[in-house]
Amino acid sequence: MKALAGITIISAALLAGCGASAEIAENANKVAAFSEDADQHKEQFAEAIDDLSRKKSCNMEAMLADGAGFSRVTGDSFYFIYCDSPGDITNRWYFDPANNKLERVKAAMR
């Protein structure tokens, strides 16, 4: 009986984790859809946003509320996104869908 209870608890914990992951993935897809050139790079944007959402400094709810997504950096082939409110330039990330490079510093993109 104790073994069965242990399996039930482990199963419940795993399912709870899957629900959280599914919600993160769903929200990442929503934010990716707001992105410039989403028709070309939506899956890659969603993966990058999913990665960012797992960082303590990134706020998925703020990205959703502000309709934030990746925007192309003027004159370059890569994109930027704010991990929090759009006015907070200290929390900006850069992403290049050509090589899935995600960096905090713009100079690292070159």
C-alpha atoms as a PDB file:
ATOM      1  CA  MET A   1       0.000   0.000   0.000  1.00  0.00           C
ATOM      2  CA  LYS A   2       2.831   2.406   0.829  1.00  0.00           C
ATOM      3  CA  ALA A   3       4.456   1.677  -2.531  1.00  0.00           C
ATOM      4  CA  LEU A   4       1.217   2.524  -4.337  1.00  0.00           C
ATOM      5  CA  ALA A   5       0.886   5.782  -2.401  1.00  0.00           C
ATOM      6  CA  GLY A   6       4.465   6.675  -3.336  1.00  0.00           C
ATOM      7  CA  ILE A   7       3.774   6.028  -7.019  1.00  0.00           C
ATOM      8  CA  THR A   8       0.637   8.160  -6.839  1.00  0.00           C
ATOM      9  CA  ILE A   9       2.548  11.054  -5.273  1.00  0.00           C
ATOM     10  CA  ILE A  10       5.339  10.812  -7.861  1.00  0.00           C
ATOM     11  CA  SER A  11       2.800  10.632 -10.710  1.00  0.00           C
ATOM     12  CA  ALA A  12       0.962  13.685  -9.393  1.00  0.00           C
ATOM     13  CA  ALA A  13       4.203  15.635  -9.105  1.00  0.00           C
ATOM     14  CA  LEU A  14       5.198  14.730 -12.655  1.00  0.00           C
ATOM     15  CA  LEU A  15       1.799  15.698 -14.028  1.00  0.00           C
ATOM     16  CA  ALA A  16       1.899  19.023 -12.193  1.00  0.00           C
ATOM     17  CA  GLY A  17       5.271  19.749 -13.763  1.00  0.00           C
ATOM     18  CA  CYS A  18       3.962  18.860 -17.210  1.00  0.00           C
ATOM     19  CA  GLY A  19       1.064  21.268 -16.761  1.00  0.00           C
ATOM     20  CA  ALA A  20       3.444  24.090 -15.897  1.00  0.00           C
ATOM     21  CA  SER A  21       5.629  23.275 -18.904  1.00  0.00           C
ATOM     22  CA  ALA A  22       2.597  23.167 -21.181  1.00  0.00           C
ATOM     23  CA  GLU A  23       1.465  26.568 -19.904  1.00  0.00           C
ATOM     24  CA  ILE A  24       4.939  28.050 -20.462  1.00  0.00           C
ATOM     25  CA  ALA A  25       5.035  26.629 -23.987  1.00  0.00           C
ATOM     26  CA  GLU A  26       1.554  27.979 -24.740  1.00  0.00           C
ATOM     27  CA  ASN A  27       2.483  31.447 -23.487  1.00  0.00           C
ATOM     28  CA  ALA A  28       5.796  31.346 -25.385  1.00  0.00           C
ATOM     29  CA  ASN A  29       3.828  30.639 -28.573  1.00  0.00           C
ATOM     30  CA  LYS A  30       1.513  33.574 -27.841  1.00  0.00           C
ATOM     31  CA  VAL A  31       4.442  35.949 -27.357  1.00  0.00           C
ATOM     32  CA  ALA A  32       6.187  34.550 -30.462  1.00  0.00           C
ATOM     33  CA  ALA A  33       3.062  35.329 -32.486  1.00  0.00           C
ATOM     34  CA  PHE A  34       3.473  39.022 -31.556  1.00  0.00           C
ATOM     35  CA  SER A  35       6.972  39.007 -33.078  1.00  0.00           C
ATOM     36  CA  GLU A  36       8.072  40.703 -36.250  1.00  0.00           C
ATOM     37  CA  ASP A  37       8.572  38.046 -38.963  1.00  0.00           C
ATOM     38  CA  ALA A  38       6.660  35.499 -36.855  1.00  0.00           C
ATOM     39  CA  ASP A  39       5.465  33.883 -40.076  1.00  0.00           C
ATOM     40  CA  GLN A  40       9.095  32.870 -40.791  1.00  0.00           C
ATOM     41  CA  HIS A  41      10.536  32.212 -37.321  1.00  0.00           C
ATOM     42  CA  LYS A  42       7.647  31.571 -34.911  1.00  0.00           C
ATOM     43  CA  GLU A  43       8.889  28.160 -33.707  1.00  0.00           C
ATOM     44  CA  GLN A  44      12.409  29.452 -33.079  1.00  0.00           C
ATOM     45  CA  PHE A  45      11.057  32.568 -31.358  1.00  0.00           C
ATOM     46  CA  ALA A  46       8.839  30.395 -29.137  1.00  0.00           C
ATOM     47  CA  GLU A  47      11.794  28.204 -28.130  1.00  0.00           C
ATOM     48  CA  ALA A  48      13.910  31.277 -27.312  1.00  0.00           C
ATOM     49  CA  ILE A  49      11.039  32.815 -25.316  1.00  0.00           C
ATOM     50  CA  ASP A  50      10.574  29.532 -23.467  1.00  0.00           C
ATOM     51  CA  ASP A  51      14.294  29.633 -22.551  1.00  0.00           C
ATOM     52  CA  LEU A  52      13.975  33.254 -21.432  1.00  0.00           C
ATOM     53  CA  SER A  53      10.878  32.568 -19.345  1.00  0.00           C
ATOM     54  CA  ARG A  54      12.893  30.162 -17.214  1.00  0.00           C
ATOM     55  CA  LYS A  55      15.335  32.920 -16.261  1.00  0.00           C
ATOM     56  CA  LYS A  56      14.511  34.711 -13.022  1.00  0.00           C
ATOM     57  CA  SER A  57      14.862  38.141 -14.631  1.00  0.00           C
ATOM     58  CA  CYS A  58      12.256  37.473 -17.341  1.00  0.00           C
ATOM     59  CA  ASN A  59       8.570  38.080 -16.792  1.00  0.00           C
ATOM     60  CA  MET A  60       6.325  36.160 -19.213  1.00  0.00           C
ATOM     61  CA  GLU A  61       3.189  37.875 -17.887  1.00  0.00           C
ATOM     62  CA  ALA A  62       4.652  41.302 -18.667  1.00  0.00           C
ATOM     63  CA  MET A  63       5.550  40.158 -22.186  1.00  0.00           C
ATOM     64  CA  LEU A  64       1.995  38.892 -22.710  1.00  0.00           C
ATOM     65  CA  ALA A  65       0.358  41.992 -21.242  1.00  0.00           C
ATOM     66  CA  ASP A  66       2.460  44.351 -23.361  1.00  0.00           C
ATOM     67  CA  GLY A  67       2.032  42.340 -26.562  1.00  0.00           C
ATOM     68  CA  ALA A  68       5.788  42.058 -26.684  1.00  0.00           C
ATOM     69  CA  GLY A  69       7.609  39.908 -29.147  1.00  0.00           C
ATOM     70  CA  PHE A  70      10.871  39.895 -31.033  1.00  0.00           C
ATOM     71  CA  SER A  71      11.581  42.949 -33.185  1.00  0.00           C
ATOM     72  CA  ARG A  72      14.260  43.082 -35.843  1.00  0.00           C
ATOM     73  CA  VAL A  73      17.324  45.126 -34.917  1.00  0.00           C
ATOM     74  CA  THR A  74      17.568  47.940 -37.463  1.00  0.00           C
ATOM     75  CA  GLY A  75      20.185  47.131 -40.093  1.00  0.00           C
ATOM     76  CA  ASP A  76      20.853  43.619 -38.771  1.00  0.00           C
ATOM     77  CA  SER A  77      19.508  40.110 -39.309  1.00  0.00           C
ATOM     78  CA  PHE A  78      18.826  39.400 -35.633  1.00  0.00           C
ATOM     79  CA  TYR A  79      16.057  40.427 -33.244  1.00  0.00           C
ATOM     80  CA  PHE A  80      15.596  41.827 -29.746  1.00  0.00           C
ATOM     81  CA  ILE A  81      12.975  41.329 -27.043  1.00  0.00           C
ATOM     82  CA  TYR A  82      12.370  42.828 -23.624  1.00  0.00           C
ATOM     83  CA  CYS A  83      12.032  40.289 -20.816  1.00  0.00           C
ATOM     84  CA  ASP A  84       9.918  42.644 -18.770  1.00  0.00           C
ATOM     85  CA  SER A  85       8.389  46.008 -19.539  1.00  0.00           C
ATOM     86  CA  PRO A  86       9.397  47.547 -22.901  1.00  0.00           C
ATOM     87  CA  GLY A  87      10.910  50.574 -21.182  1.00  0.00           C
ATOM     88  CA  ASP A  88      13.428  48.461 -19.259  1.00  0.00           C
ATOM     89  CA  ILE A  89      16.375  48.381 -21.659  1.00  0.00           C
ATOM     90  CA  THR A  90      18.494  46.628 -19.037  1.00  0.00           C
ATOM     91  CA  ASN A  91      16.393  43.523 -19.551  1.00  0.00           C
ATOM     92  CA  ARG A  92      16.753  43.263 -23.332  1.00  0.00           C
ATOM     93  CA  TRP A  93      17.851  40.044 -25.057  1.00  0.00           C
ATOM     94  CA  TYR A  94      18.973  39.409 -28.624  1.00  0.00           C
ATOM     95  CA  PHE A  95      18.220  36.379 -30.780  1.00  0.00           C
ATOM     96  CA  ASP A  96      19.476  35.237 -34.167  1.00  0.00           C
ATOM     97  CA  PRO A  97      17.153  32.621 -35.696  1.00  0.00           C
ATOM     98  CA  ALA A  98      19.823  31.688 -38.270  1.00  0.00           C
ATOM     99  CA  ASN A  99      21.868  29.963 -35.555  1.00  0.00           C
ATOM    100  CA  ASN A 100      19.508  30.045 -32.527  1.00  0.00           C
ATOM    101  CA  LYS A 101      21.957  32.293 -30.691  1.00  0.00           C
ATOM    102  CA  LEU A 102      20.414  34.016 -27.669  1.00  0.00           C
ATOM    103  CA  GLU A 103      22.540  36.683 -25.990  1.00  0.00           C
ATOM    104  CA  ARG A 104      22.103  39.452 -23.462  1.00  0.00           C
ATOM    105  CA  VAL A 105      24.700  41.700 -25.102  1.00  0.00           C
ATOM    106  CA  LYS A 106      24.196  43.031 -28.618  1.00  0.00           C
ATOM    107  CA  ALA A 107      27.931  43.022 -29.402  1.00  0.00           C
ATOM    108  CA  ALA A 108      28.006  39.258 -28.812  1.00  0.00           C
ATOM    109  CA  MET A 109      25.697  38.788 -31.817  1.00  0.00           C
ATOM    110  CA  ARG A 110      28.400  39.715 -34.320  1.00  0.00           C
END
